[in-house]
N, C-alpha and C. Protein backbone atom coordinates (compact mmCIF):
# COMPACT_ATOMS: atom_id res chain seq x y z
N MET A 1 31.24 0.32 5.12
CA MET A 1 29.91 1.89 5.32
C MET A 1 28.83 1.36 5.59
N SER A 2 28.26 1.12 6.58
CA SER A 2 26.76 0.91 6.77
C SER A 2 25.52 2.28 5.62
N ILE A 3 24.73 1.23 4.79
CA ILE A 3 23.89 2.25 4.33
C ILE A 3 22.57 2.70 4.95
N GLU A 4 22.33 3.60 4.96
CA GLU A 4 21.15 3.96 5.85
C GLU A 4 19.71 3.74 5.13
N ALA A 5 18.72 3.46 6.25
CA ALA A 5 17.30 3.12 5.42
C ALA A 5 16.73 4.42 4.99
N PHE A 6 16.76 5.19 5.69
CA PHE A 6 16.61 6.67 5.03
C PHE A 6 17.02 7.44 3.50
N ASP A 7 17.95 7.04 3.44
CA ASP A 7 18.74 7.17 2.18
C ASP A 7 18.27 6.26 1.34
N PHE A 8 18.41 5.24 1.34
CA PHE A 8 17.49 4.16 0.84
C PHE A 8 16.17 4.24 -0.03
N LEU A 9 15.46 4.53 1.28
CA LEU A 9 13.98 4.70 1.00
C LEU A 9 13.63 6.22 0.30
N SER A 10 14.70 6.93 0.55
CA SER A 10 14.74 8.61 0.10
C SER A 10 14.69 8.40 -1.74
N GLU A 11 15.90 7.22 -1.98
CA GLU A 11 16.02 7.15 -3.12
C GLU A 11 15.24 6.52 -4.23
N ILE A 12 14.17 5.67 -3.29
CA ILE A 12 13.47 4.54 -4.17
C ILE A 12 11.91 6.02 -4.30
N ILE A 13 12.08 6.96 -3.50
CA ILE A 13 11.17 7.84 -3.78
C ILE A 13 11.20 8.45 -4.65
N ASN A 14 12.60 9.28 -4.59
CA ASN A 14 12.92 10.21 -5.54
C ASN A 14 13.09 10.05 -7.04
N GLU A 15 13.59 8.93 -7.13
CA GLU A 15 13.73 8.01 -8.39
C GLU A 15 12.70 7.55 -8.79
N GLY A 16 11.10 7.80 -8.32
CA GLY A 16 9.81 7.22 -8.46
C GLY A 16 9.80 5.96 -8.65
N ARG A 17 10.46 5.24 -8.30
CA ARG A 17 10.70 3.66 -8.12
C ARG A 17 9.67 2.92 -7.54
N TYR A 18 8.64 3.60 -6.64
CA TYR A 18 7.59 3.23 -5.67
C TYR A 18 6.59 2.75 -6.51
N ALA A 19 6.61 3.36 -8.01
CA ALA A 19 5.58 2.98 -8.88
C ALA A 19 5.71 1.82 -9.24
N GLU A 20 7.00 0.77 -9.21
CA GLU A 20 7.06 -0.62 -9.84
C GLU A 20 6.21 -1.20 -8.21
N ALA A 21 6.49 -0.68 -7.29
CA ALA A 21 5.70 -1.15 -6.30
C ALA A 21 4.32 -1.09 -6.24
N ALA A 22 3.69 -0.27 -6.63
CA ALA A 22 2.39 0.04 -7.21
C ALA A 22 1.55 -0.93 -7.96
N SER A 23 2.05 -1.53 -8.72
CA SER A 23 1.67 -2.39 -9.88
C SER A 23 1.67 -3.65 -8.95
N LEU A 24 2.66 -4.39 -8.01
CA LEU A 24 2.61 -5.34 -7.45
C LEU A 24 1.27 -5.14 -6.27
N ALA A 25 1.15 -4.02 -5.59
CA ALA A 25 0.15 -3.88 -4.90
C ALA A 25 -1.25 -4.25 -4.88
N HIS A 26 -1.63 -3.32 -6.43
CA HIS A 26 -2.88 -3.52 -7.02
C HIS A 26 -3.17 -4.70 -7.59
N ASP A 27 -2.10 -5.32 -7.87
CA ASP A 27 -2.21 -7.04 -8.04
C ASP A 27 -2.41 -8.12 -7.46
N ALA A 28 -1.97 -7.49 -5.80
CA ALA A 28 -2.22 -8.20 -4.94
C ALA A 28 -3.68 -7.85 -3.69
N TRP A 29 -4.00 -6.60 -4.34
CA TRP A 29 -5.22 -5.77 -3.92
C TRP A 29 -6.76 -6.65 -4.89
N ARG A 30 -6.29 -7.24 -6.33
CA ARG A 30 -7.02 -7.79 -7.13
C ARG A 30 -7.37 -9.25 -6.74
N GLU A 31 -5.84 -10.01 -6.30
CA GLU A 31 -5.96 -11.11 -6.20
C GLU A 31 -7.09 -11.29 -4.84
N GLU A 32 -6.84 -10.66 -3.83
CA GLU A 32 -7.85 -10.53 -2.44
C GLU A 32 -9.02 -10.40 -3.17
N LYS A 33 -9.45 -9.31 -3.26
CA LYS A 33 -10.76 -9.28 -3.66
C LYS A 33 -11.29 -10.57 -4.45
N GLU A 34 -10.49 -10.69 -5.60
CA GLU A 34 -11.33 -12.05 -6.26
C GLU A 34 -11.05 -13.45 -5.58
N ALA A 35 -10.50 -14.13 -4.55
CA ALA A 35 -10.28 -14.49 -3.73
C ALA A 35 -11.84 -14.35 -2.51
N GLN A 36 -12.13 -13.39 -2.52
CA GLN A 36 -13.21 -13.25 -1.73
C GLN A 36 -14.72 -12.74 -2.58
N GLY A 37 -15.07 -13.49 -3.84
CA GLY A 37 -15.63 -13.71 -4.84
C GLY A 37 -16.22 -12.57 -5.92
N TRP A 38 -15.10 -11.54 -5.40
CA TRP A 38 -15.78 -10.14 -6.57
C TRP A 38 -15.43 -10.43 -7.71
N THR A 39 -16.11 -9.87 -8.72
CA THR A 39 -15.70 -9.77 -10.29
C THR A 39 -15.59 -8.39 -10.52
N TYR A 40 -14.97 -8.61 -11.99
CA TYR A 40 -14.76 -6.83 -12.85
C TYR A 40 -16.22 -6.71 -13.07
N GLY A 41 -16.88 -5.53 -12.93
CA GLY A 41 -18.09 -4.93 -13.38
C GLY A 41 -17.46 -3.38 -13.42
N ARG A 42 -18.71 -2.93 -14.48
CA ARG A 42 -18.36 -1.82 -14.91
C ARG A 42 -18.69 -0.53 -14.02
N ARG A 43 -19.65 -0.78 -12.90
CA ARG A 43 -19.56 -0.22 -11.67
C ARG A 43 -19.31 -1.04 -10.48
N HIS A 44 -19.44 -0.33 -9.65
CA HIS A 44 -18.96 -0.98 -8.19
C HIS A 44 -20.51 -1.37 -7.76
N ASN A 45 -20.90 -2.38 -6.91
CA ASN A 45 -21.53 -3.00 -6.43
C ASN A 45 -21.31 -3.95 -5.58
N GLU A 46 -21.82 -3.58 -4.19
CA GLU A 46 -21.24 -4.15 -2.92
C GLU A 46 -22.32 -5.75 -3.43
N LYS A 47 -23.36 -5.66 -3.46
CA LYS A 47 -24.22 -6.90 -3.42
C LYS A 47 -23.98 -7.97 -4.50
N LYS A 48 -23.62 -7.59 -5.25
CA LYS A 48 -23.00 -8.07 -6.44
C LYS A 48 -21.68 -8.74 -6.26
N LYS A 49 -21.24 -7.78 -5.59
CA LYS A 49 -19.17 -8.03 -5.75
C LYS A 49 -18.75 -7.34 -7.05
N ARG A 50 -19.16 -6.72 -7.70
CA ARG A 50 -18.45 -6.13 -9.15
C ARG A 50 -17.88 -5.09 -8.39
N HIS A 51 -16.65 -4.82 -9.31
CA HIS A 51 -15.78 -3.78 -9.08
C HIS A 51 -14.83 -3.69 -10.10
N PRO A 52 -14.91 -2.06 -11.01
CA PRO A 52 -14.59 -1.51 -11.86
C PRO A 52 -13.05 -1.31 -11.85
N LEU A 53 -12.23 -1.77 -10.87
CA LEU A 53 -10.95 -1.71 -10.94
C LEU A 53 -10.48 -2.96 -10.59
N LEU A 54 -11.19 -4.00 -11.07
CA LEU A 54 -10.69 -5.45 -10.75
C LEU A 54 -10.23 -5.71 -12.50
N LEU A 55 -9.08 -4.91 -12.73
CA LEU A 55 -8.54 -5.06 -14.14
C LEU A 55 -6.64 -5.28 -13.69
N PRO A 56 -6.13 -5.66 -15.28
CA PRO A 56 -4.61 -5.58 -14.61
C PRO A 56 -4.51 -4.27 -14.40
N PHE A 57 -3.22 -4.18 -13.67
CA PHE A 57 -2.57 -2.55 -13.55
C PHE A 57 -2.34 -1.81 -14.61
N GLU A 58 -2.01 -2.42 -15.86
CA GLU A 58 -1.86 -1.85 -17.19
C GLU A 58 -2.95 -1.23 -17.97
N LYS A 59 -4.18 -1.92 -17.48
CA LYS A 59 -5.50 -1.35 -17.78
C LYS A 59 -6.08 -0.70 -17.30
N LEU A 60 -5.74 0.14 -15.69
CA LEU A 60 -6.52 0.76 -14.86
C LEU A 60 -6.12 2.34 -16.10
N ASN A 61 -6.85 3.35 -15.69
CA ASN A 61 -6.73 4.68 -16.36
C ASN A 61 -5.44 5.42 -15.38
N GLU A 62 -5.15 6.63 -15.79
CA GLU A 62 -4.09 7.29 -14.95
C GLU A 62 -4.41 7.62 -13.33
N GLN A 63 -5.68 7.96 -13.54
CA GLN A 63 -6.31 8.53 -12.01
C GLN A 63 -6.19 7.00 -11.12
N GLN A 64 -6.91 6.01 -11.54
CA GLN A 64 -6.25 5.00 -10.89
C GLN A 64 -5.45 4.67 -10.46
N LYS A 65 -4.22 4.45 -11.33
CA LYS A 65 -2.77 4.40 -10.87
C LYS A 65 -2.35 5.21 -10.13
N ILE A 66 -2.64 6.41 -10.10
CA ILE A 66 -2.21 7.74 -9.28
C ILE A 66 -2.57 7.45 -7.93
N GLY A 67 -3.76 6.50 -7.57
CA GLY A 67 -4.10 5.92 -6.27
C GLY A 67 -3.23 5.00 -5.90
N ASN A 68 -2.94 4.11 -6.96
CA ASN A 68 -2.08 2.66 -6.60
C ASN A 68 -0.74 3.29 -6.34
N ASN A 69 -0.04 4.54 -6.79
CA ASN A 69 0.93 5.15 -6.72
C ASN A 69 1.01 5.70 -5.29
N LEU A 70 -0.25 6.17 -5.03
CA LEU A 70 -0.01 6.63 -3.60
C LEU A 70 0.43 6.42 -2.29
N SER A 71 -0.47 4.60 -2.62
CA SER A 71 -0.07 3.91 -1.60
C SER A 71 0.60 3.18 -1.44
N ALA A 72 1.77 2.59 -2.45
CA ALA A 72 3.13 2.25 -2.60
C ALA A 72 4.10 3.60 -1.76
N TYR A 73 3.54 4.71 -2.51
CA TYR A 73 4.74 6.17 -1.83
C TYR A 73 4.19 6.19 0.11
N SER A 74 3.24 6.09 -0.11
CA SER A 74 2.94 6.24 1.71
C SER A 74 3.54 4.96 2.26
N THR A 75 3.58 4.02 2.02
CA THR A 75 4.14 2.94 2.80
C THR A 75 5.71 3.37 2.49
N THR A 76 6.12 3.50 1.56
CA THR A 76 7.56 3.65 1.46
C THR A 76 8.11 4.70 2.46
N ASN A 77 7.13 6.10 2.38
CA ASN A 77 7.27 7.10 3.28
C ASN A 77 7.54 7.00 4.70
N PHE A 78 6.31 5.92 4.97
CA PHE A 78 5.83 5.37 6.07
C PHE A 78 7.29 5.07 6.77
N PHE A 79 8.04 3.92 6.39
CA PHE A 79 9.43 3.29 6.86
C PHE A 79 10.46 4.80 6.71
N ARG A 80 10.14 5.25 5.92
CA ARG A 80 11.43 6.06 5.80
C ARG A 80 11.03 6.89 6.87
N SER A 81 10.30 7.58 7.17
CA SER A 81 10.10 8.41 8.36
C SER A 81 10.43 8.15 9.44
N ARG A 82 9.89 6.84 9.48
CA ARG A 82 10.16 5.92 11.08
C ARG A 82 11.45 5.31 11.41
N TYR A 83 12.26 4.87 10.49
CA TYR A 83 13.45 4.52 10.56
C TYR A 83 14.58 4.88 10.01
N LYS A 84 14.54 6.51 10.05
CA LYS A 84 15.51 7.45 10.25
C LYS A 84 16.56 7.01 11.03
N GLY A 85 17.60 7.01 10.28
CA GLY A 85 18.87 6.51 11.56
C GLY A 85 19.14 5.17 11.44
N ALA A 86 18.15 4.48 11.16
CA ALA A 86 18.72 3.15 10.89
C ALA A 86 19.13 2.47 10.26
N SER A 87 19.88 1.37 10.39
CA SER A 87 20.59 0.55 8.81
C SER A 87 19.73 0.16 7.99
N LEU A 88 20.11 -0.41 6.84
CA LEU A 88 19.37 -0.75 6.10
C LEU A 88 19.09 -2.65 6.98
N SER A 89 20.13 -2.87 6.88
CA SER A 89 19.74 -4.18 7.34
C SER A 89 18.91 -4.17 8.73
N LYS A 90 18.81 -3.48 9.67
CA LYS A 90 17.39 -3.29 10.57
C LYS A 90 16.34 -3.31 9.86
N LEU A 91 15.93 -2.20 8.82
CA LEU A 91 14.78 -2.00 8.21
C LEU A 91 14.49 -3.19 7.55
N LYS A 92 15.51 -3.87 6.87
CA LYS A 92 15.34 -5.26 6.35
C LYS A 92 14.71 -6.81 7.55
N SER A 93 15.15 -6.25 8.55
CA SER A 93 14.56 -6.88 10.05
C SER A 93 13.22 -6.66 10.27
N VAL A 94 13.04 -5.69 10.48
CA VAL A 94 11.63 -5.24 10.34
C VAL A 94 10.32 -5.28 9.45
N LEU A 95 11.00 -5.18 7.91
CA LEU A 95 10.13 -5.98 7.06
C LEU A 95 9.66 -7.25 7.49
N GLU A 96 11.10 -8.20 7.57
CA GLU A 96 10.55 -9.32 6.98
C GLU A 96 10.15 -9.73 8.59
N GLU A 97 10.06 -9.32 9.75
CA GLU A 97 8.91 -9.30 10.65
C GLU A 97 7.62 -9.07 10.93
N LEU A 98 7.47 -8.24 10.37
CA LEU A 98 6.04 -7.59 9.66
C LEU A 98 5.21 -8.31 8.96
N LEU A 99 6.32 -9.38 7.98
CA LEU A 99 5.61 -9.76 7.01
C LEU A 99 5.29 -11.26 7.57
N GLU A 100 6.35 -11.48 8.73
CA GLU A 100 5.66 -13.04 9.60
C GLU A 100 4.71 -12.66 10.32
N GLY A 101 4.24 -11.73 10.51
CA GLY A 101 2.95 -11.42 11.58
C GLY A 101 3.32 -10.76 12.97
N GLU A 102 4.61 -10.25 13.02
CA GLU A 102 4.91 -9.89 14.48
C GLU A 102 4.66 -7.86 14.16
N HIS A 103 4.82 -7.51 15.65
CA HIS A 103 4.73 -6.47 15.46
C HIS A 103 3.08 -5.54 14.93
N SER A 104 2.20 -6.08 15.40
CA SER A 104 0.63 -6.31 15.02
C SER A 104 0.43 -4.60 15.29
N GLU A 105 0.94 -3.96 16.39
CA GLU A 105 0.64 -2.26 16.83
C GLU A 105 1.26 -1.48 15.47
N LEU A 106 2.80 -1.82 15.02
CA LEU A 106 2.89 -1.24 13.86
C LEU A 106 2.58 -1.16 12.92
N MET A 107 1.85 -2.58 12.53
CA MET A 107 1.08 -2.79 11.40
C MET A 107 -0.14 -2.10 11.25
N ASP A 108 -0.39 -1.95 12.53
CA ASP A 108 -2.00 -1.09 12.43
C ASP A 108 -1.57 0.39 12.14
N GLU A 109 -0.02 0.93 12.80
CA GLU A 109 -0.37 2.04 12.37
C GLU A 109 0.16 2.52 10.82
N LEU A 110 0.90 1.47 10.30
CA LEU A 110 1.08 1.43 8.92
C LEU A 110 -0.12 1.68 8.20
N GLY A 111 -1.15 0.94 8.72
CA GLY A 111 -2.69 0.63 7.88
C GLY A 111 -3.51 1.90 7.86
N GLU A 112 -3.06 2.82 9.06
CA GLU A 112 -3.75 3.65 9.34
C GLU A 112 -3.08 5.02 8.53
N TYR A 113 -1.68 4.86 8.43
CA TYR A 113 -1.27 5.93 7.60
C TYR A 113 -1.53 5.74 6.00
N VAL A 114 -1.36 4.44 5.68
CA VAL A 114 -1.55 4.35 4.36
C VAL A 114 -3.49 4.80 3.80
N HIS A 115 -4.27 4.31 5.16
CA HIS A 115 -5.59 4.51 4.29
C HIS A 115 -6.02 6.70 4.96
N SER A 116 -4.89 6.77 5.50
CA SER A 116 -5.22 8.38 5.39
C SER A 116 -4.52 8.86 4.58
N HIS A 117 -3.56 8.18 3.60
CA HIS A 117 -3.46 9.08 2.14
C HIS A 117 -4.42 8.38 1.18
N PHE A 118 -5.28 7.54 1.42
CA PHE A 118 -5.95 7.31 0.38
C PHE A 118 -7.02 7.99 0.47
N THR A 119 -7.29 8.16 1.84
CA THR A 119 -8.72 9.28 1.96
C THR A 119 -8.50 10.81 1.69
N ALA A 120 -6.93 11.03 1.91
CA ALA A 120 -7.01 12.63 1.12
C ALA A 120 -6.92 12.84 -0.27
N SER A 121 -6.79 11.88 -0.70
CA SER A 121 -6.20 11.49 -2.19
C SER A 121 -8.07 11.42 -2.98
N MET A 122 -9.43 11.01 -2.27
CA MET A 122 -10.46 10.82 -2.13
C MET A 122 -11.23 12.16 -1.92
N ILE A 123 -10.67 13.03 -1.09
CA ILE A 123 -10.74 14.22 -0.65
C ILE A 123 -10.57 15.63 -1.75
N ALA A 124 -9.33 14.88 -2.59
CA ALA A 124 -8.59 15.74 -3.68
C ALA A 124 -9.63 15.69 -4.83
N GLN A 125 -10.22 14.67 -4.59
CA GLN A 125 -10.89 14.17 -5.73
C GLN A 125 -12.52 14.65 -5.54
N GLN A 126 -12.69 15.61 -4.45
CA GLN A 126 -14.01 15.82 -4.08
C GLN A 126 -15.04 14.55 -3.97
N LYS A 127 -14.55 13.34 -3.32
CA LYS A 127 -15.67 12.41 -3.26
C LYS A 127 -16.04 12.81 -1.84
N THR A 128 -16.60 12.39 -1.34
CA THR A 128 -17.52 12.23 0.36
C THR A 128 -18.03 10.72 0.70
N VAL A 129 -18.21 10.85 2.21
CA VAL A 129 -18.39 9.92 2.73
C VAL A 129 -19.73 9.37 1.70
N ALA A 130 -20.51 10.01 1.61
CA ALA A 130 -21.54 9.72 1.22
C ALA A 130 -21.63 8.79 -0.09
N GLU A 131 -20.54 9.03 -0.49
CA GLU A 131 -20.24 8.64 -2.09
C GLU A 131 -19.35 7.18 -1.36
N ARG A 132 -18.47 7.46 -0.78
CA ARG A 132 -17.11 6.06 -0.44
C ARG A 132 -17.12 5.83 1.10
N ALA A 133 -17.98 4.81 1.62
CA ALA A 133 -18.25 3.97 2.87
C ALA A 133 -16.66 4.06 3.07
N ASP A 134 -15.69 3.92 2.73
CA ASP A 134 -14.38 3.51 3.19
C ASP A 134 -13.70 4.55 3.55
N MET A 135 -14.16 5.99 3.50
CA MET A 135 -13.50 7.49 3.75
C MET A 135 -13.20 7.70 5.20
N VAL A 136 -14.10 6.94 5.91
CA VAL A 136 -14.01 7.03 7.70
C VAL A 136 -12.42 6.66 8.04
N VAL A 137 -12.16 7.19 9.36
CA VAL A 137 -10.70 7.22 9.94
C VAL A 137 -10.79 5.53 9.92
N TYR A 138 -9.72 5.19 10.08
CA TYR A 138 -8.96 3.78 10.10
C TYR A 138 -9.75 2.64 10.88
N GLU A 139 -9.86 3.09 12.12
CA GLU A 139 -10.22 2.46 13.33
C GLU A 139 -12.01 2.15 12.87
N ASP A 140 -12.39 2.96 12.20
CA ASP A 140 -13.84 2.51 11.93
C ASP A 140 -14.10 1.81 10.97
N LEU A 141 -13.04 1.79 10.26
CA LEU A 141 -13.27 0.79 8.97
C LEU A 141 -13.55 -0.56 9.30
N ASP A 142 -14.27 -1.47 8.63
CA ASP A 142 -14.62 -3.19 9.05
C ASP A 142 -13.54 -3.67 8.87
N THR A 143 -13.16 -4.85 9.51
CA THR A 143 -11.64 -5.42 9.38
C THR A 143 -11.45 -6.16 7.98
N PRO A 144 -12.38 -6.44 7.52
CA PRO A 144 -11.88 -6.69 5.72
C PRO A 144 -11.23 -5.37 4.80
N VAL A 145 -11.65 -4.27 5.14
CA VAL A 145 -11.21 -3.30 4.62
C VAL A 145 -9.70 -2.75 4.96
N GLN A 146 -9.89 -3.00 6.35
CA GLN A 146 -8.71 -2.63 6.92
C GLN A 146 -7.56 -3.41 6.38
N GLU A 147 -7.87 -4.70 6.01
CA GLU A 147 -7.10 -5.88 5.51
C GLU A 147 -6.64 -5.60 4.37
N LEU A 148 -7.49 -4.64 3.28
CA LEU A 148 -7.14 -4.42 2.24
C LEU A 148 -6.18 -3.05 2.10
N ASP A 149 -6.17 -2.69 3.20
CA ASP A 149 -5.24 -1.86 3.07
C ASP A 149 -3.88 -2.21 3.02
N LEU A 150 -3.73 -3.13 4.18
CA LEU A 150 -2.52 -3.96 4.72
C LEU A 150 -2.30 -4.91 3.40
N VAL A 151 -3.13 -5.53 2.82
CA VAL A 151 -2.68 -6.33 1.36
C VAL A 151 -1.56 -5.39 0.47
N ILE A 152 -2.26 -4.23 0.28
CA ILE A 152 -0.98 -3.25 -0.41
C ILE A 152 0.13 -3.00 0.26
N ALA A 153 -0.19 -2.67 1.65
CA ALA A 153 1.28 -2.36 2.32
C ALA A 153 2.21 -3.56 2.14
N ARG A 154 1.53 -5.15 2.65
CA ARG A 154 2.56 -6.04 2.45
C ARG A 154 2.92 -5.88 1.25
N ALA A 155 2.40 -5.60 0.05
CA ALA A 155 2.93 -6.04 -1.40
C ALA A 155 4.32 -5.02 -1.34
N THR A 156 3.76 -3.94 -0.97
CA THR A 156 4.84 -2.91 -1.11
C THR A 156 6.46 -3.20 -0.22
N MET A 157 5.86 -3.90 0.91
CA MET A 157 7.04 -4.15 1.74
C MET A 157 8.25 -5.19 0.88
N ARG A 158 7.08 -6.09 0.36
CA ARG A 158 8.06 -7.36 -0.55
C ARG A 158 8.78 -6.82 -1.58
N TYR A 159 8.14 -5.85 -2.09
CA TYR A 159 9.00 -5.13 -2.90
C TYR A 159 10.22 -4.52 -2.72
N LEU A 160 10.09 -3.49 -1.20
CA LEU A 160 11.63 -2.93 -0.69
C LEU A 160 12.07 -4.13 -0.36
N LEU A 161 12.00 -5.48 0.13
CA LEU A 161 12.86 -6.07 0.76
C LEU A 161 13.88 -6.86 -0.47
N ARG A 162 13.06 -6.65 -1.61
CA ARG A 162 13.72 -7.67 -2.66
C ARG A 162 14.69 -6.07 -3.36
N GLU A 163 14.18 -5.13 -3.10
CA GLU A 163 15.38 -3.98 -3.36
C GLU A 163 16.70 -3.92 -2.84
N ILE A 164 16.06 -4.25 -1.06
CA ILE A 164 17.24 -3.67 -0.02
C ILE A 164 18.21 -5.21 -0.29
N GLU A 165 17.26 -6.40 -0.88
CA GLU A 165 18.61 -7.63 -0.97
C GLU A 165 19.44 -7.35 -2.04
N LYS A 166 19.22 -6.48 -3.26
CA LYS A 166 20.19 -6.03 -4.41
C LYS A 166 21.47 -5.45 -4.03
N LYS A 167 20.41 -4.46 -2.70
CA LYS A 167 21.68 -3.35 -2.59
C LYS A 167 22.30 -3.94 -1.30
N LEU A 168 22.36 -4.93 -0.60
CA LEU A 168 22.96 -5.62 0.43
C LEU A 168 23.73 -6.85 -0.12
N ASP A 169 23.54 -7.12 -1.31
CA ASP A 169 24.83 -7.97 -2.19
C ASP A 169 25.40 -7.51 -2.41
């Protein structure tokens, strides 16, 4: 009997297992920022490359963890809605291909989807574009900022692949 991707991803969402991916995604984001020369700072400072979220996931406050959970959730839900009716094996193939750099158009769609959820969460916190330059539409983001959304998405995809492999064994 074939396992459907939709059912598998619904299980990940309904059981709150995307939260496991959130920690991995935050760590991947933090490593990327540090590789770009950023360090921890109590306040965000573009010029000095200081960022208050450059902490291990466990040390983030609950509001910050919610943002990470949202990114992992939105990545999972993107594939859930996109591959409804597909087999788990098909989803596994697509995730592997995306992580190998194939399907750039699909990756752009994923980045936009994840970013729109991030922006919605900022709006819910009553943040404005004046406060957050990264609240613009995805296409208007600088490439390095777009790439950070994709770093988070890729970490979640790697988590999903591990979970798929467990399920298929």
